[in-house]
Amino acid sequence: MTEPVGAWRWRSSAALRPLVPEIWAWRSAAGPPGTHQGVASAHLTVILCIDGRVELLRKPGATGGGGPYAASAAGLHASPAVIATGPEQAGLQLALTWRGARVLLGLPAAELAFDVVDLATLLPGVEPLLDRLHAAGSWAERCALLDAELCRIAASAPSGVRGPAEVGRAWDLLIRSGGTLRVADLAADVGWSPRHLGERIRRETGLGTKTAARVIRFERACTLLRSPAAPALAEVAVTCGYADQQHLARDFRELAGTTAGGWLTERPPPPGSP
């Protein structure tokens, strides 16, 4: 394989987008041993390695590690995971919605919250799929192959697996507001009490309403910081609804385990599609 070192974004097909908004292809060069932070996100993370394995040193919110994975699925979390770096690696990473967890993995996202598991335990046929992805001739071919396979799985999923409509509306409203909508207003919109809403969102996603809003807001800030014309950190904080820059800095410490500068060093702006 001769692809250059880096990361490339693939926008998933329209049919797949509600479940998997995007696919990332990446290749990292071999280097000295180190660590990488797996940060909190409003999406579950699914990784399929083409070369090498991902070595999980510490799961989110836990002291224990998960070991090496050729393919893994990580649930929503509000604390960082720690991943080993050093060996050359290449693979594909999916941003999976909580609806996608139900349709593609066959379970509520809450069952994976603050955890990382071997994808083979959830998705039969992963090993042959990894072989097919490895044999493909380019990143674009691999992404298209994976997109088509996920569409096939989604089409064969039982009807009625997309979760409660009220939870879906509440989550979508939180996403549209960038995580800034007040819980009381959110609950009033869906016709539930704030307590009942929190219980139902936690039962479906693994995060309570306030934590979900915090993670959504943080993910928006991270997206802005990685945009081609990234605003200054203080401007990002204001745009995303933080009280001030220090408030955003605290979220980086607690949700990413690093500073905004350290996070950006690990993740330079992507060049585009493969």
C-alpha atoms as a PDB file:
ATOM      1  CA  MET A   1       0.000   0.000   0.000  1.00  0.00           C
ATOM      2  CA  THR A   2       1.435   3.346  -1.028  1.00  0.00           C
ATOM      3  CA  GLU A   3      -1.080   5.898   0.272  1.00  0.00           C
ATOM      4  CA  PRO A   4       0.523   8.912   1.967  1.00  0.00           C
ATOM      5  CA  VAL A   5       0.386   9.548   5.691  1.00  0.00           C
ATOM      6  CA  GLY A   6      -2.637  11.612   6.716  1.00  0.00           C
ATOM      7  CA  ALA A   7      -6.411  11.536   7.153  1.00  0.00           C
ATOM      8  CA  TRP A   8      -9.168  12.013   4.588  1.00  0.00           C
ATOM      9  CA  ARG A   9     -12.906  12.607   4.984  1.00  0.00           C
ATOM     10  CA  TRP A  10     -15.466  10.692   2.944  1.00  0.00           C
ATOM     11  CA  ARG A  11     -19.040  12.024   3.007  1.00  0.00           C
ATOM     12  CA  SER A  12     -21.307   9.012   3.212  1.00  0.00           C
ATOM     13  CA  SER A  13     -24.136   8.351   0.749  1.00  0.00           C
ATOM     14  CA  ALA A  14     -27.522   9.995   1.328  1.00  0.00           C
ATOM     15  CA  ALA A  15     -29.116   6.689   2.382  1.00  0.00           C
ATOM     16  CA  LEU A  16     -26.423   6.064   5.002  1.00  0.00           C
ATOM     17  CA  ARG A  17     -25.991   9.634   6.293  1.00  0.00           C
ATOM     18  CA  PRO A  18     -28.619   9.522   9.117  1.00  0.00           C
ATOM     19  CA  LEU A  19     -26.723   6.546  10.556  1.00  0.00           C
ATOM     20  CA  VAL A  20     -23.112   7.326   9.560  1.00  0.00           C
ATOM     21  CA  PRO A  21     -22.635  11.009   8.626  1.00  0.00           C
ATOM     22  CA  GLU A  22     -19.029  10.529   7.577  1.00  0.00           C
ATOM     23  CA  ILE A  23     -16.201   8.061   7.147  1.00  0.00           C
ATOM     24  CA  TRP A  24     -12.551   8.925   7.778  1.00  0.00           C
ATOM     25  CA  ALA A  25      -9.654   7.122   6.125  1.00  0.00           C
ATOM     26  CA  TRP A  26      -6.268   7.436   7.786  1.00  0.00           C
ATOM     27  CA  ARG A  27      -2.689   6.267   7.645  1.00  0.00           C
ATOM     28  CA  SER A  28      -0.098   7.060  10.328  1.00  0.00           C
ATOM     29  CA  ALA A  29       3.644   6.564  10.000  1.00  0.00           C
ATOM     30  CA  ALA A  30       5.676   4.583  12.512  1.00  0.00           C
ATOM     31  CA  GLY A  31       7.163   6.707  15.275  1.00  0.00           C
ATOM     32  CA  PRO A  32       8.334   6.634  18.862  1.00  0.00           C
ATOM     33  CA  PRO A  33       5.911   5.162  21.447  1.00  0.00           C
ATOM     34  CA  GLY A  34       3.342   7.653  22.700  1.00  0.00           C
ATOM     35  CA  THR A  35      -0.340   8.115  23.413  1.00  0.00           C
ATOM     36  CA  HIS A  36      -3.347   9.620  21.695  1.00  0.00           C
ATOM     37  CA  GLN A  37      -6.533  10.854  23.389  1.00  0.00           C
ATOM     38  CA  GLY A  38      -9.891   9.502  22.276  1.00  0.00           C
ATOM     39  CA  VAL A  39     -12.086  12.541  22.985  1.00  0.00           C
ATOM     40  CA  ALA A  40     -15.772  12.837  23.846  1.00  0.00           C
ATOM     41  CA  SER A  41     -18.071  13.129  20.836  1.00  0.00           C
ATOM     42  CA  ALA A  42     -21.777  13.170  20.002  1.00  0.00           C
ATOM     43  CA  HIS A  43     -21.111  10.143  17.776  1.00  0.00           C
ATOM     44  CA  LEU A  44     -20.093   6.595  18.545  1.00  0.00           C
ATOM     45  CA  THR A  45     -16.763   5.621  16.996  1.00  0.00           C
ATOM     46  CA  VAL A  46     -16.264   2.487  14.915  1.00  0.00           C
ATOM     47  CA  ILE A  47     -12.751   1.653  13.703  1.00  0.00           C
ATOM     48  CA  LEU A  48     -11.717  -0.926  11.113  1.00  0.00           C
ATOM     49  CA  CYS A  49      -7.962  -1.379  10.780  1.00  0.00           C
ATOM     50  CA  ILE A  50      -6.486  -2.101   7.368  1.00  0.00           C
ATOM     51  CA  ASP A  51      -2.917  -2.313   8.646  1.00  0.00           C
ATOM     52  CA  GLY A  52      -1.940  -2.809  12.275  1.00  0.00           C
ATOM     53  CA  ARG A  53      -4.229  -2.701  15.290  1.00  0.00           C
ATOM     54  CA  VAL A  54      -5.514  -0.048  17.675  1.00  0.00           C
ATOM     55  CA  GLU A  55      -4.044  -0.571  21.164  1.00  0.00           C
ATOM     56  CA  LEU A  56      -6.466   0.781  23.772  1.00  0.00           C
ATOM     57  CA  LEU A  57      -4.621   1.582  26.997  1.00  0.00           C
ATOM     58  CA  ARG A  58      -7.563   2.995  28.956  1.00  0.00           C
ATOM     59  CA  LYS A  59     -11.278   3.003  28.290  1.00  0.00           C
ATOM     60  CA  PRO A  60     -13.253   6.225  28.799  1.00  0.00           C
ATOM     61  CA  GLY A  61     -13.985   6.801  32.457  1.00  0.00           C
ATOM     62  CA  ALA A  62     -12.117   3.680  33.548  1.00  0.00           C
ATOM     63  CA  THR A  63      -8.629   2.651  34.552  1.00  0.00           C
ATOM     64  CA  GLY A  64      -8.598  -0.648  32.679  1.00  0.00           C
ATOM     65  CA  GLY A  65      -7.503  -1.019  29.082  1.00  0.00           C
ATOM     66  CA  GLY A  66      -9.137  -2.979  26.308  1.00  0.00           C
ATOM     67  CA  GLY A  67      -6.090  -4.389  24.514  1.00  0.00           C
ATOM     68  CA  PRO A  68      -5.475  -4.465  20.758  1.00  0.00           C
ATOM     69  CA  TYR A  69      -8.386  -4.313  18.303  1.00  0.00           C
ATOM     70  CA  ALA A  70      -8.482  -4.977  14.580  1.00  0.00           C
ATOM     71  CA  ALA A  71     -12.024  -3.583  14.629  1.00  0.00           C
ATOM     72  CA  SER A  72     -13.802  -1.873  17.520  1.00  0.00           C
ATOM     73  CA  ALA A  73     -16.907   0.065  18.525  1.00  0.00           C
ATOM     74  CA  ALA A  74     -16.825   2.770  21.206  1.00  0.00           C
ATOM     75  CA  GLY A  75     -19.945   4.211  22.818  1.00  0.00           C
ATOM     76  CA  LEU A  76     -20.687   7.793  23.767  1.00  0.00           C
ATOM     77  CA  HIS A  77     -18.609   9.057  26.676  1.00  0.00           C
ATOM     78  CA  ALA A  78     -17.806  12.233  28.600  1.00  0.00           C
ATOM     79  CA  SER A  79     -14.174  11.511  29.455  1.00  0.00           C
ATOM     80  CA  PRO A  80     -11.174  10.639  27.270  1.00  0.00           C
ATOM     81  CA  ALA A  81      -9.854   7.237  26.294  1.00  0.00           C
ATOM     82  CA  VAL A  82      -6.095   6.678  25.947  1.00  0.00           C
ATOM     83  CA  ILE A  83      -4.725   4.945  22.856  1.00  0.00           C
ATOM     84  CA  ALA A  84      -1.151   3.858  22.199  1.00  0.00           C
ATOM     85  CA  THR A  85       0.735   5.282  19.218  1.00  0.00           C
ATOM     86  CA  GLY A  86       4.009   4.267  17.618  1.00  0.00           C
ATOM     87  CA  PRO A  87       3.511   1.428  15.115  1.00  0.00           C
ATOM     88  CA  GLU A  88       2.422   2.222  11.560  1.00  0.00           C
ATOM     89  CA  GLN A  89      -1.354   1.995  11.210  1.00  0.00           C
ATOM     90  CA  ALA A  90      -4.046   2.504   8.605  1.00  0.00           C
ATOM     91  CA  GLY A  91      -7.784   2.137   8.670  1.00  0.00           C
ATOM     92  CA  LEU A  92     -11.271   3.546   8.406  1.00  0.00           C
ATOM     93  CA  GLN A  93     -13.191   5.312  11.166  1.00  0.00           C
ATOM     94  CA  LEU A  94     -16.962   5.792  11.237  1.00  0.00           C
ATOM     95  CA  ALA A  95     -18.869   8.525  13.055  1.00  0.00           C
ATOM     96  CA  LEU A  96     -21.952   6.529  14.077  1.00  0.00           C
ATOM     97  CA  THR A  97     -25.154   8.136  15.363  1.00  0.00           C
ATOM     98  CA  TRP A  98     -27.133   6.568  18.208  1.00  0.00           C
ATOM     99  CA  ARG A  99     -29.740   5.664  15.584  1.00  0.00           C
ATOM    100  CA  GLY A 100     -26.962   3.978  13.619  1.00  0.00           C
ATOM    101  CA  ALA A 101     -26.082   1.876  16.668  1.00  0.00           C
ATOM    102  CA  ARG A 102     -29.598   0.443  16.699  1.00  0.00           C
ATOM    103  CA  VAL A 103     -29.801  -0.156  12.954  1.00  0.00           C
ATOM    104  CA  LEU A 104     -26.251  -1.327  12.168  1.00  0.00           C
ATOM    105  CA  LEU A 105     -25.124  -2.872  15.465  1.00  0.00           C
ATOM    106  CA  GLY A 106     -28.508  -4.074  16.699  1.00  0.00           C
ATOM    107  CA  LEU A 107     -28.504  -2.462  20.150  1.00  0.00           C
ATOM    108  CA  PRO A 108     -29.144   0.867  21.879  1.00  0.00           C
ATOM    109  CA  ALA A 109     -26.078   3.100  22.080  1.00  0.00           C
ATOM    110  CA  ALA A 110     -26.498   3.091  25.872  1.00  0.00           C
ATOM    111  CA  GLU A 111     -25.213  -0.492  25.989  1.00  0.00           C
ATOM    112  CA  LEU A 112     -21.830   0.755  24.745  1.00  0.00           C
ATOM    113  CA  ALA A 113     -21.643   3.971  26.788  1.00  0.00           C
ATOM    114  CA  PHE A 114     -18.175   4.639  28.267  1.00  0.00           C
ATOM    115  CA  ASP A 115     -17.000   1.334  26.780  1.00  0.00           C
ATOM    116  CA  VAL A 116     -15.058  -0.046  23.814  1.00  0.00           C
ATOM    117  CA  VAL A 117     -15.756  -3.546  22.467  1.00  0.00           C
ATOM    118  CA  ASP A 118     -14.540  -5.830  19.712  1.00  0.00           C
ATOM    119  CA  LEU A 119     -16.700  -5.081  16.665  1.00  0.00           C
ATOM    120  CA  ALA A 120     -16.794  -8.793  15.782  1.00  0.00           C
ATOM    121  CA  THR A 121     -19.053  -9.392  18.805  1.00  0.00           C
ATOM    122  CA  LEU A 122     -21.667  -7.038  17.325  1.00  0.00           C
ATOM    123  CA  LEU A 123     -21.287  -7.294  13.564  1.00  0.00           C
ATOM    124  CA  PRO A 124     -20.945 -10.771  12.030  1.00  0.00           C
ATOM    125  CA  GLY A 125     -18.752 -10.913   8.955  1.00  0.00           C
ATOM    126  CA  VAL A 126     -16.265  -8.253  10.085  1.00  0.00           C
ATOM    127  CA  GLU A 127     -13.181 -10.338   9.311  1.00  0.00           C
ATOM    128  CA  PRO A 128     -14.113 -11.001   5.648  1.00  0.00           C
ATOM    129  CA  LEU A 129     -15.000  -7.316   5.346  1.00  0.00           C
ATOM    130  CA  LEU A 130     -11.564  -6.322   6.652  1.00  0.00           C
ATOM    131  CA  ASP A 131      -9.989  -8.625   4.044  1.00  0.00           C
ATOM    132  CA  ARG A 132     -12.008  -6.998   1.273  1.00  0.00           C
ATOM    133  CA  LEU A 133     -11.098  -3.508   2.473  1.00  0.00           C
ATOM    134  CA  HIS A 134      -7.410  -4.428   2.609  1.00  0.00           C
ATOM    135  CA  ALA A 135      -7.512  -5.797  -0.939  1.00  0.00           C
ATOM    136  CA  ALA A 136      -9.155  -2.664  -2.370  1.00  0.00           C
ATOM    137  CA  GLY A 137      -6.936  -0.498  -4.535  1.00  0.00           C
ATOM    138  CA  SER A 138      -7.475   2.962  -3.007  1.00  0.00           C
ATOM    139  CA  TRP A 139      -9.019   4.798  -0.078  1.00  0.00           C
ATOM    140  CA  ALA A 140     -11.899   5.982  -2.255  1.00  0.00           C
ATOM    141  CA  GLU A 141     -12.606   2.377  -3.262  1.00  0.00           C
ATOM    142  CA  ARG A 142     -12.477   1.232   0.366  1.00  0.00           C
ATOM    143  CA  CYS A 143     -14.839   3.988   1.522  1.00  0.00           C
ATOM    144  CA  ALA A 144     -17.301   3.232  -1.269  1.00  0.00           C
ATOM    145  CA  LEU A 145     -17.135  -0.486  -0.467  1.00  0.00           C
ATOM    146  CA  LEU A 146     -17.766   0.141   3.223  1.00  0.00           C
ATOM    147  CA  ASP A 147     -20.592   2.575   2.455  1.00  0.00           C
ATOM    148  CA  ALA A 148     -22.303  -0.024   0.265  1.00  0.00           C
ATOM    149  CA  GLU A 149     -21.876  -2.772   2.883  1.00  0.00           C
ATOM    150  CA  LEU A 150     -23.371  -0.613   5.629  1.00  0.00           C
ATOM    151  CA  CYS A 151     -26.306   0.310   3.375  1.00  0.00           C
ATOM    152  CA  ARG A 152     -26.894  -3.416   2.817  1.00  0.00           C
ATOM    153  CA  ILE A 153     -26.890  -4.086   6.579  1.00  0.00           C
ATOM    154  CA  ALA A 154     -29.263  -1.157   7.185  1.00  0.00           C
ATOM    155  CA  ALA A 155     -31.661  -2.364   4.499  1.00  0.00           C
ATOM    156  CA  SER A 156     -31.872  -5.797   6.141  1.00  0.00           C
ATOM    157  CA  ALA A 157     -32.434  -4.440   9.671  1.00  0.00           C
ATOM    158  CA  PRO A 158     -35.855  -5.108  11.241  1.00  0.00           C
ATOM    159  CA  SER A 159     -38.383  -2.301  11.052  1.00  0.00           C
ATOM    160  CA  GLY A 160     -39.036  -0.249  14.188  1.00  0.00           C
ATOM    161  CA  VAL A 161     -35.446  -0.269  15.489  1.00  0.00           C
ATOM    162  CA  ARG A 162     -34.740   3.480  15.367  1.00  0.00           C
ATOM    163  CA  GLY A 163     -35.688   4.319  18.964  1.00  0.00           C
ATOM    164  CA  PRO A 164     -38.429   6.446  20.559  1.00  0.00           C
ATOM    165  CA  ALA A 165     -39.630   9.361  18.439  1.00  0.00           C
ATOM    166  CA  GLU A 166     -39.513  11.756  21.417  1.00  0.00           C
ATOM    167  CA  VAL A 167     -35.861  10.937  22.095  1.00  0.00           C
ATOM    168  CA  GLY A 168     -35.107  11.432  18.417  1.00  0.00           C
ATOM    169  CA  ARG A 169     -36.782  14.852  18.385  1.00  0.00           C
ATOM    170  CA  ALA A 170     -35.057  15.936  21.594  1.00  0.00           C
ATOM    171  CA  TRP A 171     -31.655  14.856  20.281  1.00  0.00           C
ATOM    172  CA  ASP A 172     -32.201  16.550  16.931  1.00  0.00           C
ATOM    173  CA  LEU A 173     -33.188  19.790  18.688  1.00  0.00           C
ATOM    174  CA  LEU A 174     -30.037  19.611  20.808  1.00  0.00           C
ATOM    175  CA  ILE A 175     -27.929  19.075  17.686  1.00  0.00           C
ATOM    176  CA  ARG A 176     -29.556  22.013  15.894  1.00  0.00           C
ATOM    177  CA  SER A 177     -28.942  24.282  18.867  1.00  0.00           C
ATOM    178  CA  GLY A 178     -25.331  23.172  19.154  1.00  0.00           C
ATOM    179  CA  GLY A 179     -26.057  21.850  22.643  1.00  0.00           C
ATOM    180  CA  THR A 180     -27.254  25.215  23.955  1.00  0.00           C
ATOM    181  CA  LEU A 181     -31.006  24.563  24.285  1.00  0.00           C
ATOM    182  CA  ARG A 182     -32.245  24.657  27.902  1.00  0.00           C
ATOM    183  CA  VAL A 183     -33.344  21.286  29.288  1.00  0.00           C
ATOM    184  CA  ALA A 184     -36.679  22.741  30.465  1.00  0.00           C
ATOM    185  CA  ASP A 185     -37.423  24.040  26.949  1.00  0.00           C
ATOM    186  CA  LEU A 186     -36.402  20.741  25.408  1.00  0.00           C
ATOM    187  CA  ALA A 187     -38.667  18.766  27.752  1.00  0.00           C
ATOM    188  CA  ALA A 188     -41.592  21.107  27.131  1.00  0.00           C
ATOM    189  CA  ASP A 189     -41.215  20.660  23.377  1.00  0.00           C
ATOM    190  CA  VAL A 190     -41.473  16.857  23.532  1.00  0.00           C
ATOM    191  CA  GLY A 191     -44.143  16.879  26.266  1.00  0.00           C
ATOM    192  CA  TRP A 192     -42.142  15.146  28.986  1.00  0.00           C
ATOM    193  CA  SER A 193     -40.864  16.303  32.351  1.00  0.00           C
ATOM    194  CA  PRO A 194     -37.141  17.160  32.441  1.00  0.00           C
ATOM    195  CA  ARG A 195     -36.524  14.142  34.697  1.00  0.00           C
ATOM    196  CA  HIS A 196     -38.362  11.705  32.432  1.00  0.00           C
ATOM    197  CA  LEU A 197     -36.612  13.130  29.370  1.00  0.00           C
ATOM    198  CA  GLY A 198     -33.226  12.672  31.029  1.00  0.00           C
ATOM    199  CA  GLU A 199     -34.022   9.072  31.928  1.00  0.00           C
ATOM    200  CA  ARG A 200     -35.180   8.231  28.410  1.00  0.00           C
ATOM    201  CA  ILE A 201     -32.220   9.915  26.692  1.00  0.00           C
ATOM    202  CA  ARG A 202     -29.841   8.099  29.054  1.00  0.00           C
ATOM    203  CA  ARG A 203     -31.593   4.790  28.410  1.00  0.00           C
ATOM    204  CA  GLU A 204     -31.143   5.262  24.661  1.00  0.00           C
ATOM    205  CA  THR A 205     -27.734   6.953  24.376  1.00  0.00           C
ATOM    206  CA  GLY A 206     -25.970   6.381  27.709  1.00  0.00           C
ATOM    207  CA  LEU A 207     -25.753  10.115  28.447  1.00  0.00           C
ATOM    208  CA  GLY A 208     -28.137  12.294  30.458  1.00  0.00           C
ATOM    209  CA  THR A 209     -29.616  15.389  28.852  1.00  0.00           C
ATOM    210  CA  LYS A 210     -27.146  17.888  30.298  1.00  0.00           C
ATOM    211  CA  THR A 211     -24.162  15.675  29.538  1.00  0.00           C
ATOM    212  CA  ALA A 212     -25.410  15.064  26.004  1.00  0.00           C
ATOM    213  CA  ALA A 213     -25.771  18.827  25.488  1.00  0.00           C
ATOM    214  CA  ARG A 214     -22.256  19.388  26.837  1.00  0.00           C
ATOM    215  CA  VAL A 215     -20.753  16.786  24.497  1.00  0.00           C
ATOM    216  CA  ILE A 216     -22.684  18.150  21.495  1.00  0.00           C
ATOM    217  CA  ARG A 217     -21.452  21.681  22.248  1.00  0.00           C
ATOM    218  CA  PHE A 218     -17.887  20.417  22.616  1.00  0.00           C
ATOM    219  CA  GLU A 219     -18.026  18.510  19.329  1.00  0.00           C
ATOM    220  CA  ARG A 220     -19.210  21.676  17.585  1.00  0.00           C
ATOM    221  CA  ALA A 221     -16.275  23.606  19.056  1.00  0.00           C
ATOM    222  CA  CYS A 222     -13.857  20.926  17.857  1.00  0.00           C
ATOM    223  CA  THR A 223     -15.344  21.032  14.355  1.00  0.00           C
ATOM    224  CA  LEU A 224     -14.909  24.810  14.172  1.00  0.00           C
ATOM    225  CA  LEU A 225     -11.316  24.571  15.398  1.00  0.00           C
ATOM    226  CA  ARG A 226     -10.492  22.114  12.618  1.00  0.00           C
ATOM    227  CA  SER A 227     -12.214  24.102   9.858  1.00  0.00           C
ATOM    228  CA  PRO A 228     -10.015  25.552   7.078  1.00  0.00           C
ATOM    229  CA  ALA A 229     -10.558  29.124   8.339  1.00  0.00           C
ATOM    230  CA  ALA A 230     -10.574  28.260  12.024  1.00  0.00           C
ATOM    231  CA  PRO A 231     -11.536  31.169  14.319  1.00  0.00           C
ATOM    232  CA  ALA A 232      -9.486  32.014  17.391  1.00  0.00           C
ATOM    233  CA  LEU A 233     -10.209  29.966  20.497  1.00  0.00           C
ATOM    234  CA  ALA A 234     -11.985  32.879  22.223  1.00  0.00           C
ATOM    235  CA  GLU A 235     -14.260  33.354  19.204  1.00  0.00           C
ATOM    236  CA  VAL A 236     -15.055  29.626  19.108  1.00  0.00           C
ATOM    237  CA  ALA A 237     -15.996  29.762  22.789  1.00  0.00           C
ATOM    238  CA  VAL A 238     -18.455  32.628  22.193  1.00  0.00           C
ATOM    239  CA  THR A 239     -19.925  31.059  19.037  1.00  0.00           C
ATOM    240  CA  CYS A 240     -20.536  27.726  20.766  1.00  0.00           C
ATOM    241  CA  GLY A 241     -22.177  29.186  23.839  1.00  0.00           C
ATOM    242  CA  TYR A 242     -19.412  28.881  26.422  1.00  0.00           C
ATOM    243  CA  ALA A 243     -19.259  31.427  29.234  1.00  0.00           C
ATOM    244  CA  ASP A 244     -15.697  32.314  28.223  1.00  0.00           C
ATOM    245  CA  GLN A 245     -12.484  30.831  26.841  1.00  0.00           C
ATOM    246  CA  GLN A 246     -11.597  29.298  30.206  1.00  0.00           C
ATOM    247  CA  HIS A 247     -14.885  27.422  30.191  1.00  0.00           C
ATOM    248  CA  LEU A 248     -13.960  25.847  26.843  1.00  0.00           C
ATOM    249  CA  ALA A 249     -10.442  25.124  28.129  1.00  0.00           C
ATOM    250  CA  ARG A 250     -11.948  23.249  31.070  1.00  0.00           C
ATOM    251  CA  ASP A 251     -14.044  21.123  28.724  1.00  0.00           C
ATOM    252  CA  PHE A 252     -10.903  20.240  26.751  1.00  0.00           C
ATOM    253  CA  ARG A 253      -9.224  19.071  29.951  1.00  0.00           C
ATOM    254  CA  GLU A 254     -12.204  17.030  31.089  1.00  0.00           C
ATOM    255  CA  LEU A 255     -13.602  15.728  27.786  1.00  0.00           C
ATOM    256  CA  ALA A 256     -10.375  15.404  25.800  1.00  0.00           C
ATOM    257  CA  GLY A 257      -7.692  15.009  28.449  1.00  0.00           C
ATOM    258  CA  THR A 258      -5.534  17.662  26.784  1.00  0.00           C
ATOM    259  CA  THR A 259      -5.463  21.332  25.791  1.00  0.00           C
ATOM    260  CA  ALA A 260      -7.031  22.724  22.634  1.00  0.00           C
ATOM    261  CA  GLY A 261      -3.530  23.294  21.232  1.00  0.00           C
ATOM    262  CA  GLY A 262      -2.455  19.748  22.034  1.00  0.00           C
ATOM    263  CA  TRP A 263      -5.606  18.367  20.448  1.00  0.00           C
ATOM    264  CA  LEU A 264      -5.070  20.390  17.270  1.00  0.00           C
ATOM    265  CA  THR A 265      -1.446  19.254  17.007  1.00  0.00           C
ATOM    266  CA  GLU A 266      -2.666  15.665  16.863  1.00  0.00           C
ATOM    267  CA  ARG A 267      -5.392  16.515  14.361  1.00  0.00           C
ATOM    268  CA  PRO A 268      -4.380  18.988  11.638  1.00  0.00           C
ATOM    269  CA  PRO A 269      -7.188  20.162   9.337  1.00  0.00           C
ATOM    270  CA  PRO A 270      -8.120  17.380   6.870  1.00  0.00           C
ATOM    271  CA  PRO A 271      -7.223  17.828   3.196  1.00  0.00           C
ATOM    272  CA  GLY A 272     -10.619  16.598   1.956  1.00  0.00           C
ATOM    273  CA  SER A 273     -11.914  13.376   0.473  1.00  0.00           C
ATOM    274  CA  PRO A 274      -9.645  10.452  -0.441  1.00  0.00           C
END
